[in-house]
Amino acid sequence: MPLNAVRLPVPEAGRDASSQSALSECVARTVRRYLADIGDTECSEGLHALVIREVEGPLLREVMAFHEGNQSRAATALGINRATLRKKLAQHGLL
C-alpha cells in the first residue's frame, strides 16, 4: 500500500457504507484520488488547508447563488456571521 493511501474503516455491524451522505462520499472519493495522484509527494500547504481552500470557494458561490446574492440569508445558511461571509467572499474574489 502506498505511503499516502487511505485505509477506510470497516463499517460497524448494522451500519453499512451507504449511510454516508452523498457529499461525504464525494469528498472521500476525491481525497482518495488526490492522494493516489500525488503519491509520496508532500503537499506544501498541508492537505487540510488545500481541501478547505478548494471547497470553500465553490461552496460560497453556490450558496450565494441559491440565495440570489442575499448575504444575510447565505450567512445564516452557512452558520457564519455576515461579516465573516463578506471576508470570505472577498478572499475568493466573489465580491
PDB file of N, CA and C in Angstrom:
ATOM      1  N   MET A   1       0.856  -1.189   0.000  1.00  0.00           N
ATOM      2  CA  MET A   1       0.000   0.000   0.000  1.00  0.00           C
ATOM      3  C   MET A   1       0.893   1.239   0.000  1.00  0.00           C
ATOM      4  N   PRO A   2       0.674   2.202  -0.915  1.00  0.00           N
ATOM      5  CA  PRO A   2       1.477   3.426  -0.951  1.00  0.00           C
ATOM      6  C   PRO A   2       1.425   4.176   0.381  1.00  0.00           C
ATOM      7  N   LEU A   3       2.454   4.951   0.648  1.00  0.00           N
ATOM      8  CA  LEU A   3       2.582   5.663   1.912  1.00  0.00           C
ATOM      9  C   LEU A   3       1.389   6.561   2.222  1.00  0.00           C
ATOM     10  N   ASN A   4       0.852   7.269   1.235  1.00  0.00           N
ATOM     11  CA  ASN A   4      -0.254   8.209   1.466  1.00  0.00           C
ATOM     12  C   ASN A   4      -1.630   7.602   1.254  1.00  0.00           C
ATOM     13  N   ALA A   5      -1.717   6.300   1.062  1.00  0.00           N
ATOM     14  CA  ALA A   5      -3.018   5.678   0.800  1.00  0.00           C
ATOM     15  C   ALA A   5      -3.905   5.765   2.029  1.00  0.00           C
ATOM     16  N   VAL A   6      -5.181   5.824   1.781  1.00  0.00           N
ATOM     17  CA  VAL A   6      -6.154   5.921   2.859  1.00  0.00           C
ATOM     18  C   VAL A   6      -6.794   4.564   3.063  1.00  0.00           C
ATOM     19  N   ARG A   7      -6.798   4.103   4.290  1.00  0.00           N
ATOM     20  CA  ARG A   7      -7.466   2.858   4.635  1.00  0.00           C
ATOM     21  C   ARG A   7      -8.806   3.229   5.241  1.00  0.00           C
ATOM     22  N   LEU A   8      -9.885   2.854   4.572  1.00  0.00           N
ATOM     23  CA  LEU A   8     -11.220   3.186   5.053  1.00  0.00           C
ATOM     24  C   LEU A   8     -11.612   2.277   6.201  1.00  0.00           C
ATOM     25  N   PRO A   9     -12.315   2.827   7.200  1.00  0.00           N
ATOM     26  CA  PRO A   9     -12.752   1.977   8.309  1.00  0.00           C
ATOM     27  C   PRO A   9     -13.785   0.969   7.834  1.00  0.00           C
ATOM     28  N   VAL A  10     -13.779  -0.175   8.473  1.00  0.00           N
ATOM     29  CA  VAL A  10     -14.766  -1.201   8.163  1.00  0.00           C
ATOM     30  C   VAL A  10     -16.077  -0.764   8.786  1.00  0.00           C
ATOM     31  N   PRO A  11     -17.190  -0.778   8.030  1.00  0.00           N
ATOM     32  CA  PRO A  11     -18.474  -0.356   8.596  1.00  0.00           C
ATOM     33  C   PRO A  11     -18.847  -1.183   9.825  1.00  0.00           C
ATOM     34  N   GLU A  12     -19.416  -0.528  10.821  1.00  0.00           N
ATOM     35  CA  GLU A  12     -19.866  -1.205  12.027  1.00  0.00           C
ATOM     36  C   GLU A  12     -21.017  -2.136  11.679  1.00  0.00           C
ATOM     37  N   ALA A  13     -21.204  -3.138  12.506  1.00  0.00           N
ATOM     38  CA  ALA A  13     -22.315  -4.063  12.293  1.00  0.00           C
ATOM     39  C   ALA A  13     -23.626  -3.285  12.338  1.00  0.00           C
ATOM     40  N   GLY A  14     -24.484  -3.549  11.368  1.00  0.00           N
ATOM     41  CA  GLY A  14     -25.778  -2.862  11.327  1.00  0.00           C
ATOM     42  C   GLY A  14     -25.724  -1.507  10.657  1.00  0.00           C
ATOM     43  N   ARG A  15     -24.541  -1.058  10.295  1.00  0.00           N
ATOM     44  CA  ARG A  15     -24.405   0.252   9.640  1.00  0.00           C
ATOM     45  C   ARG A  15     -23.567   0.067   8.390  1.00  0.00           C
ATOM     46  N   ASP A  16     -24.188   0.171   7.240  1.00  0.00           N
ATOM     47  CA  ASP A  16     -23.434  -0.050   6.005  1.00  0.00           C
ATOM     48  C   ASP A  16     -22.896   1.263   5.471  1.00  0.00           C
ATOM     49  N   ALA A  17     -21.930   1.147   4.554  1.00  0.00           N
ATOM     50  CA  ALA A  17     -21.252   2.321   3.989  1.00  0.00           C
ATOM     51  C   ALA A  17     -22.211   3.226   3.234  1.00  0.00           C
ATOM     52  N   SER A  18     -23.365   2.712   2.793  1.00  0.00           N
ATOM     53  CA  SER A  18     -24.302   3.529   2.025  1.00  0.00           C
ATOM     54  C   SER A  18     -24.987   4.580   2.893  1.00  0.00           C
ATOM     55  N   SER A  19     -24.766   4.534   4.219  1.00  0.00           N
ATOM     56  CA  SER A  19     -25.381   5.527   5.087  1.00  0.00           C
ATOM     57  C   SER A  19     -24.611   6.850   5.071  1.00  0.00           C
ATOM     58  N   GLN A  20     -23.453   6.883   4.384  1.00  0.00           N
ATOM     59  CA  GLN A  20     -22.705   8.127   4.233  1.00  0.00           C
ATOM     60  C   GLN A  20     -23.500   9.085   3.366  1.00  0.00           C
ATOM     61  N   SER A  21     -23.405  10.371   3.664  1.00  0.00           N
ATOM     62  CA  SER A  21     -24.086  11.347   2.819  1.00  0.00           C
ATOM     63  C   SER A  21     -23.393  11.407   1.460  1.00  0.00           C
ATOM     64  N   ALA A  22     -24.119  11.864   0.469  1.00  0.00           N
ATOM     65  CA  ALA A  22     -23.554  11.989  -0.879  1.00  0.00           C
ATOM     66  C   ALA A  22     -22.362  12.942  -0.873  1.00  0.00           C
ATOM     67  N   LEU A  23     -22.447  14.000  -0.086  1.00  0.00           N
ATOM     68  CA  LEU A  23     -21.353  14.965  -0.004  1.00  0.00           C
ATOM     69  C   LEU A  23     -20.120  14.323   0.621  1.00  0.00           C
ATOM     70  N   SER A  24     -20.313  13.602   1.692  1.00  0.00           N
ATOM     71  CA  SER A  24     -19.206  12.925   2.363  1.00  0.00           C
ATOM     72  C   SER A  24     -18.551  11.906   1.436  1.00  0.00           C
ATOM     73  N   GLU A  25     -19.373  11.173   0.718  1.00  0.00           N
ATOM     74  CA  GLU A  25     -18.879  10.184  -0.237  1.00  0.00           C
ATOM     75  C   GLU A  25     -18.044  10.857  -1.337  1.00  0.00           C
ATOM     76  N   CYS A  26     -18.528  11.978  -1.834  1.00  0.00           N
ATOM     77  CA  CYS A  26     -17.835  12.719  -2.886  1.00  0.00           C
ATOM     78  C   CYS A  26     -16.480  13.224  -2.389  1.00  0.00           C
ATOM     79  N   VAL A  27     -16.455  13.761  -1.194  1.00  0.00           N
ATOM     80  CA  VAL A  27     -15.200  14.270  -0.618  1.00  0.00           C
ATOM     81  C   VAL A  27     -14.217  13.122  -0.421  1.00  0.00           C
ATOM     82  N   ALA A  28     -14.696  12.012   0.145  1.00  0.00           N
ATOM     83  CA  ALA A  28     -13.813  10.862   0.386  1.00  0.00           C
ATOM     84  C   ALA A  28     -13.219  10.351  -0.921  1.00  0.00           C
ATOM     85  N   ARG A  29     -14.041  10.223  -1.946  1.00  0.00           N
ATOM     86  CA  ARG A  29     -13.586   9.723  -3.250  1.00  0.00           C
ATOM     87  C   ARG A  29     -12.544  10.675  -3.853  1.00  0.00           C
ATOM     88  N   THR A  30     -12.809  11.962  -3.756  1.00  0.00           N
ATOM     89  CA  THR A  30     -11.900  12.955  -4.338  1.00  0.00           C
ATOM     90  C   THR A  30     -10.576  13.003  -3.586  1.00  0.00           C
ATOM     91  N   VAL A  31     -10.616  12.928  -2.267  1.00  0.00           N
ATOM     92  CA  VAL A  31      -9.375  12.941  -1.478  1.00  0.00           C
ATOM     93  C   VAL A  31      -8.563  11.675  -1.764  1.00  0.00           C
ATOM     94  N   ARG A  32      -9.220  10.520  -1.847  1.00  0.00           N
ATOM     95  CA  ARG A  32      -8.500   9.282  -2.187  1.00  0.00           C
ATOM     96  C   ARG A  32      -7.819   9.410  -3.547  1.00  0.00           C
ATOM     97  N   ARG A  33      -8.540   9.963  -4.532  1.00  0.00           N
ATOM     98  CA  ARG A  33      -7.959  10.129  -5.869  1.00  0.00           C
ATOM     99  C   ARG A  33      -6.775  11.096  -5.826  1.00  0.00           C
ATOM    100  N   TYR A  34      -6.914  12.197  -5.071  1.00  0.00           N
ATOM    101  CA  TYR A  34      -5.827  13.172  -4.956  1.00  0.00           C
ATOM    102  C   TYR A  34      -4.597  12.518  -4.333  1.00  0.00           C
ATOM    103  N   LEU A  35      -4.802  11.775  -3.242  1.00  0.00           N
ATOM    104  CA  LEU A  35      -3.678  11.118  -2.577  1.00  0.00           C
ATOM    105  C   LEU A  35      -3.007  10.100  -3.487  1.00  0.00           C
ATOM    106  N   ALA A  36      -3.800   9.376  -4.264  1.00  0.00           N
ATOM    107  CA  ALA A  36      -3.232   8.415  -5.211  1.00  0.00           C
ATOM    108  C   ALA A  36      -2.427   9.148  -6.285  1.00  0.00           C
ATOM    109  N   ASP A  37      -2.910  10.301  -6.717  1.00  0.00           N
ATOM    110  CA  ASP A  37      -2.223  11.078  -7.754  1.00  0.00           C
ATOM    111  C   ASP A  37      -0.890  11.643  -7.279  1.00  0.00           C
ATOM    112  N   ILE A  38      -0.835  12.137  -6.042  1.00  0.00           N
ATOM    113  CA  ILE A  38       0.406  12.764  -5.573  1.00  0.00           C
ATOM    114  C   ILE A  38       1.395  11.748  -5.030  1.00  0.00           C
ATOM    115  N   GLY A  39       0.928  10.548  -4.687  1.00  0.00           N
ATOM    116  CA  GLY A  39       1.835   9.523  -4.168  1.00  0.00           C
ATOM    117  C   GLY A  39       2.531   9.989  -2.912  1.00  0.00           C
ATOM    118  N   ASP A  40       3.863   9.935  -2.911  1.00  0.00           N
ATOM    119  CA  ASP A  40       4.643  10.320  -1.732  1.00  0.00           C
ATOM    120  C   ASP A  40       5.016  11.802  -1.709  1.00  0.00           C
ATOM    121  N   THR A  41       4.575  12.562  -2.706  1.00  0.00           N
ATOM    122  CA  THR A  41       4.878  13.985  -2.764  1.00  0.00           C
ATOM    123  C   THR A  41       4.143  14.707  -1.643  1.00  0.00           C
ATOM    124  N   GLU A  42       4.867  15.560  -0.936  1.00  0.00           N
ATOM    125  CA  GLU A  42       4.234  16.315   0.148  1.00  0.00           C
ATOM    126  C   GLU A  42       3.423  17.479  -0.396  1.00  0.00           C
ATOM    127  N   CYS A  43       2.323  17.774   0.263  1.00  0.00           N
ATOM    128  CA  CYS A  43       1.507  18.941  -0.059  1.00  0.00           C
ATOM    129  C   CYS A  43       2.062  20.080   0.789  1.00  0.00           C
ATOM    130  N   SER A  44       2.698  21.065   0.154  1.00  0.00           N
ATOM    131  CA  SER A  44       3.425  22.102   0.887  1.00  0.00           C
ATOM    132  C   SER A  44       2.556  22.885   1.870  1.00  0.00           C
ATOM    133  N   GLU A  45       1.298  23.128   1.529  1.00  0.00           N
ATOM    134  CA  GLU A  45       0.440  23.906   2.425  1.00  0.00           C
ATOM    135  C   GLU A  45      -0.321  23.029   3.406  1.00  0.00           C
ATOM    136  N   GLY A  46      -0.210  21.732   3.259  1.00  0.00           N
ATOM    137  CA  GLY A  46      -0.947  20.806   4.111  1.00  0.00           C
ATOM    138  C   GLY A  46      -2.262  20.433   3.449  1.00  0.00           C
ATOM    139  N   LEU A  47      -2.625  19.188   3.582  1.00  0.00           N
ATOM    140  CA  LEU A  47      -3.820  18.676   2.916  1.00  0.00           C
ATOM    141  C   LEU A  47      -5.087  19.363   3.411  1.00  0.00           C
ATOM    142  N   HIS A  48      -5.176  19.610   4.705  1.00  0.00           N
ATOM    143  CA  HIS A  48      -6.374  20.258   5.253  1.00  0.00           C
ATOM    144  C   HIS A  48      -6.574  21.632   4.632  1.00  0.00           C
ATOM    145  N   ALA A  49      -5.525  22.438   4.614  1.00  0.00           N
ATOM    146  CA  ALA A  49      -5.610  23.790   4.040  1.00  0.00           C
ATOM    147  C   ALA A  49      -5.975  23.728   2.559  1.00  0.00           C
ATOM    148  N   LEU A  50      -5.403  22.770   1.846  1.00  0.00           N
ATOM    149  CA  LEU A  50      -5.690  22.620   0.426  1.00  0.00           C
ATOM    150  C   LEU A  50      -7.161  22.287   0.192  1.00  0.00           C
ATOM    151  N   VAL A  51      -7.684  21.325   0.937  1.00  0.00           N
ATOM    152  CA  VAL A  51      -9.080  20.924   0.764  1.00  0.00           C
ATOM    153  C   VAL A  51     -10.016  22.072   1.109  1.00  0.00           C
ATOM    154  N   ILE A  52      -9.763  22.743   2.220  1.00  0.00           N
ATOM    155  CA  ILE A  52     -10.617  23.879   2.617  1.00  0.00           C
ATOM    156  C   ILE A  52     -10.594  24.958   1.544  1.00  0.00           C
ATOM    157  N   ARG A  53      -9.404  25.276   1.036  1.00  0.00           N
ATOM    158  CA  ARG A  53      -9.295  26.312   0.000  1.00  0.00           C
ATOM    159  C   ARG A  53     -10.059  25.912  -1.258  1.00  0.00           C
ATOM    160  N   GLU A  54      -9.946  24.668  -1.661  1.00  0.00           N
ATOM    161  CA  GLU A  54     -10.600  24.206  -2.879  1.00  0.00           C
ATOM    162  C   GLU A  54     -12.113  24.075  -2.735  1.00  0.00           C
ATOM    163  N   VAL A  55     -12.590  23.767  -1.546  1.00  0.00           N
ATOM    164  CA  VAL A  55     -14.016  23.535  -1.324  1.00  0.00           C
ATOM    165  C   VAL A  55     -14.759  24.829  -0.981  1.00  0.00           C
ATOM    166  N   GLU A  56     -14.107  25.721  -0.263  1.00  0.00           N
ATOM    167  CA  GLU A  56     -14.784  26.913   0.238  1.00  0.00           C
ATOM    168  C   GLU A  56     -15.291  27.836  -0.876  1.00  0.00           C
ATOM    169  N   GLY A  57     -14.504  28.057  -1.906  1.00  0.00           N
ATOM    170  CA  GLY A  57     -14.923  28.938  -2.996  1.00  0.00           C
ATOM    171  C   GLY A  57     -16.208  28.472  -3.674  1.00  0.00           C
ATOM    172  N   PRO A  58     -16.239  27.225  -4.161  1.00  0.00           N
ATOM    173  CA  PRO A  58     -17.478  26.730  -4.772  1.00  0.00           C
ATOM    174  C   PRO A  58     -18.659  26.700  -3.796  1.00  0.00           C
ATOM    175  N   LEU A  59     -18.391  26.382  -2.545  1.00  0.00           N
ATOM    176  CA  LEU A  59     -19.463  26.383  -1.537  1.00  0.00           C
ATOM    177  C   LEU A  59     -20.073  27.771  -1.415  1.00  0.00           C
ATOM    178  N   LEU A  60     -19.229  28.778  -1.273  1.00  0.00           N
ATOM    179  CA  LEU A  60     -19.720  30.154  -1.150  1.00  0.00           C
ATOM    180  C   LEU A  60     -20.475  30.584  -2.406  1.00  0.00           C
ATOM    181  N   ARG A  61     -19.911  30.272  -3.565  1.00  0.00           N
ATOM    182  CA  ARG A  61     -20.533  30.646  -4.839  1.00  0.00           C
ATOM    183  C   ARG A  61     -21.930  30.029  -4.971  1.00  0.00           C
ATOM    184  N   GLU A  62     -22.054  28.759  -4.655  1.00  0.00           N
ATOM    185  CA  GLU A  62     -23.336  28.061  -4.794  1.00  0.00           C
ATOM    186  C   GLU A  62     -24.367  28.540  -3.778  1.00  0.00           C
ATOM    187  N   VAL A  63     -23.949  28.758  -2.537  1.00  0.00           N
ATOM    188  CA  VAL A  63     -24.888  29.232  -1.514  1.00  0.00           C
ATOM    189  C   VAL A  63     -25.352  30.646  -1.845  1.00  0.00           C
ATOM    190  N   MET A  64     -24.434  31.495  -2.312  1.00  0.00           N
ATOM    191  CA  MET A  64     -24.821  32.857  -2.701  1.00  0.00           C
ATOM    192  C   MET A  64     -25.798  32.821  -3.876  1.00  0.00           C
ATOM    193  N   ALA A  65     -25.555  31.959  -4.842  1.00  0.00           N
ATOM    194  CA  ALA A  65     -26.459  31.851  -5.988  1.00  0.00           C
ATOM    195  C   ALA A  65     -27.825  31.342  -5.545  1.00  0.00           C
ATOM    196  N   PHE A  66     -27.840  30.352  -4.672  1.00  0.00           N
ATOM    197  CA  PHE A  66     -29.098  29.789  -4.188  1.00  0.00           C
ATOM    198  C   PHE A  66     -29.932  30.854  -3.483  1.00  0.00           C
ATOM    199  N   HIS A  67     -29.259  31.737  -2.741  1.00  0.00           N
ATOM    200  CA  HIS A  67     -29.953  32.794  -2.002  1.00  0.00           C
ATOM    201  C   HIS A  67     -29.979  34.112  -2.781  1.00  0.00           C
ATOM    202  N   GLU A  68     -29.756  34.008  -4.090  1.00  0.00           N
ATOM    203  CA  GLU A  68     -29.862  35.137  -5.017  1.00  0.00           C
ATOM    204  C   GLU A  68     -29.067  36.361  -4.568  1.00  0.00           C
ATOM    205  N   GLY A  69     -27.839  36.110  -4.058  1.00  0.00           N
ATOM    206  CA  GLY A  69     -26.949  37.194  -3.664  1.00  0.00           C
ATOM    207  C   GLY A  69     -27.242  37.799  -2.308  1.00  0.00           C
ATOM    208  N   ASN A  70     -28.250  37.319  -1.598  1.00  0.00           N
ATOM    209  CA  ASN A  70     -28.592  37.856  -0.281  1.00  0.00           C
ATOM    210  C   ASN A  70     -27.597  37.324   0.740  1.00  0.00           C
ATOM    211  N   GLN A  71     -26.682  38.199   1.168  1.00  0.00           N
ATOM    212  CA  GLN A  71     -25.612  37.798   2.073  1.00  0.00           C
ATOM    213  C   GLN A  71     -26.127  37.395   3.450  1.00  0.00           C
ATOM    214  N   SER A  72     -27.154  38.060   3.935  1.00  0.00           N
ATOM    215  CA  SER A  72     -27.692  37.717   5.259  1.00  0.00           C
ATOM    216  C   SER A  72     -28.252  36.300   5.273  1.00  0.00           C
ATOM    217  N   ARG A  73     -29.027  35.959   4.249  1.00  0.00           N
ATOM    218  CA  ARG A  73     -29.600  34.603   4.181  1.00  0.00           C
ATOM    219  C   ARG A  73     -28.512  33.568   3.938  1.00  0.00           C
ATOM    220  N   ALA A  74     -27.543  33.890   3.100  1.00  0.00           N
ATOM    221  CA  ALA A  74     -26.440  32.971   2.827  1.00  0.00           C
ATOM    222  C   ALA A  74     -25.619  32.725   4.093  1.00  0.00           C
ATOM    223  N   ALA A  75     -25.329  33.779   4.834  1.00  0.00           N
ATOM    224  CA  ALA A  75     -24.566  33.638   6.085  1.00  0.00           C
ATOM    225  C   ALA A  75     -25.320  32.765   7.078  1.00  0.00           C
ATOM    226  N   THR A  76     -26.626  32.971   7.175  1.00  0.00           N
ATOM    227  CA  THR A  76     -27.444  32.159   8.073  1.00  0.00           C
ATOM    228  C   THR A  76     -27.401  30.693   7.644  1.00  0.00           C
ATOM    229  N   ALA A  77     -27.534  30.439   6.355  1.00  0.00           N
ATOM    230  CA  ALA A  77     -27.496  29.066   5.841  1.00  0.00           C
ATOM    231  C   ALA A  77     -26.147  28.406   6.132  1.00  0.00           C
ATOM    232  N   LEU A  78     -25.073  29.182   6.041  1.00  0.00           N
ATOM    233  CA  LEU A  78     -23.730  28.659   6.282  1.00  0.00           C
ATOM    234  C   LEU A  78     -23.406  28.560   7.772  1.00  0.00           C
ATOM    235  N   GLY A  79     -24.192  29.232   8.606  1.00  0.00           N
ATOM    236  CA  GLY A  79     -23.938  29.208  10.042  1.00  0.00           C
ATOM    237  C   GLY A  79     -22.780  30.094  10.451  1.00  0.00           C
ATOM    238  N   ILE A  80     -22.563  31.158   9.658  1.00  0.00           N
ATOM    239  CA  ILE A  80     -21.489  32.100   9.978  1.00  0.00           C
ATOM    240  C   ILE A  80     -22.048  33.525  10.020  1.00  0.00           C
ATOM    241  N   ASN A  81     -21.284  34.408  10.603  1.00  0.00           N
ATOM    242  CA  ASN A  81     -21.643  35.816  10.693  1.00  0.00           C
ATOM    243  C   ASN A  81     -21.558  36.454   9.308  1.00  0.00           C
ATOM    244  N   ARG A  82     -22.407  37.430   9.044  1.00  0.00           N
ATOM    245  CA  ARG A  82     -22.398  38.099   7.740  1.00  0.00           C
ATOM    246  C   ARG A  82     -21.046  38.750   7.443  1.00  0.00           C
ATOM    247  N   ALA A  83     -20.413  39.326   8.466  1.00  0.00           N
ATOM    248  CA  ALA A  83     -19.092  39.946   8.270  1.00  0.00           C
ATOM    249  C   ALA A  83     -18.061  38.886   7.876  1.00  0.00           C
ATOM    250  N   THR A  84     -18.156  37.712   8.471  1.00  0.00           N
ATOM    251  CA  THR A  84     -17.253  36.610   8.120  1.00  0.00           C
ATOM    252  C   THR A  84     -17.500  36.175   6.684  1.00  0.00           C
ATOM    253  N   LEU A  85     -18.770  36.111   6.293  1.00  0.00           N
ATOM    254  CA  LEU A  85     -19.109  35.764   4.917  1.00  0.00           C
ATOM    255  C   LEU A  85     -18.498  36.771   3.954  1.00  0.00           C
ATOM    256  N   ARG A  86     -18.641  38.056   4.238  1.00  0.00           N
ATOM    257  CA  ARG A  86     -18.090  39.097   3.358  1.00  0.00           C
ATOM    258  C   ARG A  86     -16.571  38.952   3.234  1.00  0.00           C
ATOM    259  N   LYS A  87     -15.916  38.653   4.351  1.00  0.00           N
ATOM    260  CA  LYS A  87     -14.461  38.479   4.354  1.00  0.00           C
ATOM    261  C   LYS A  87     -14.090  37.298   3.456  1.00  0.00           C
ATOM    262  N   LYS A  88     -14.799  36.193   3.591  1.00  0.00           N
ATOM    263  CA  LYS A  88     -14.515  35.004   2.790  1.00  0.00           C
ATOM    264  C   LYS A  88     -14.828  35.248   1.319  1.00  0.00           C
ATOM    265  N   LEU A  89     -15.916  35.947   1.033  1.00  0.00           N
ATOM    266  CA  LEU A  89     -16.257  36.273  -0.348  1.00  0.00           C
ATOM    267  C   LEU A  89     -15.135  37.111  -0.986  1.00  0.00           C
ATOM    268  N   ALA A  90     -14.613  38.062  -0.225  1.00  0.00           N
ATOM    269  CA  ALA A  90     -13.528  38.901  -0.732  1.00  0.00           C
ATOM    270  C   ALA A  90     -12.263  38.074  -0.964  1.00  0.00           C
ATOM    271  N   GLN A  91     -11.958  37.170  -0.033  1.00  0.00           N
ATOM    272  CA  GLN A  91     -10.761  36.323  -0.181  1.00  0.00           C
ATOM    273  C   GLN A  91     -10.843  35.469  -1.451  1.00  0.00           C
ATOM    274  N   HIS A  92     -12.040  35.078  -1.825  1.00  0.00           N
ATOM    275  CA  HIS A  92     -12.215  34.227  -3.004  1.00  0.00           C
ATOM    276  C   HIS A  92     -12.570  35.021  -4.254  1.00  0.00           C
ATOM    277  N   GLY A  93     -12.507  36.339  -4.158  1.00  0.00           N
ATOM    278  CA  GLY A  93     -12.799  37.200  -5.305  1.00  0.00           C
ATOM    279  C   GLY A  93     -14.253  37.141  -5.749  1.00  0.00           C
ATOM    280  N   LEU A  94     -15.153  36.939  -4.794  1.00  0.00           N
ATOM    281  CA  LEU A  94     -16.568  36.801  -5.115  1.00  0.00           C
ATOM    282  C   LEU A  94     -17.389  38.039  -4.742  1.00  0.00           C
ATOM    283  N   LEU A  95     -16.745  39.106  -4.366  1.00  0.00           N
ATOM    284  CA  LEU A  95     -17.468  40.352  -4.051  1.00  0.00           C
ATOM    285  C   LEU A  95     -17.430  41.291  -5.225  1.00  0.00           C
TER     286      LEU A  95
END
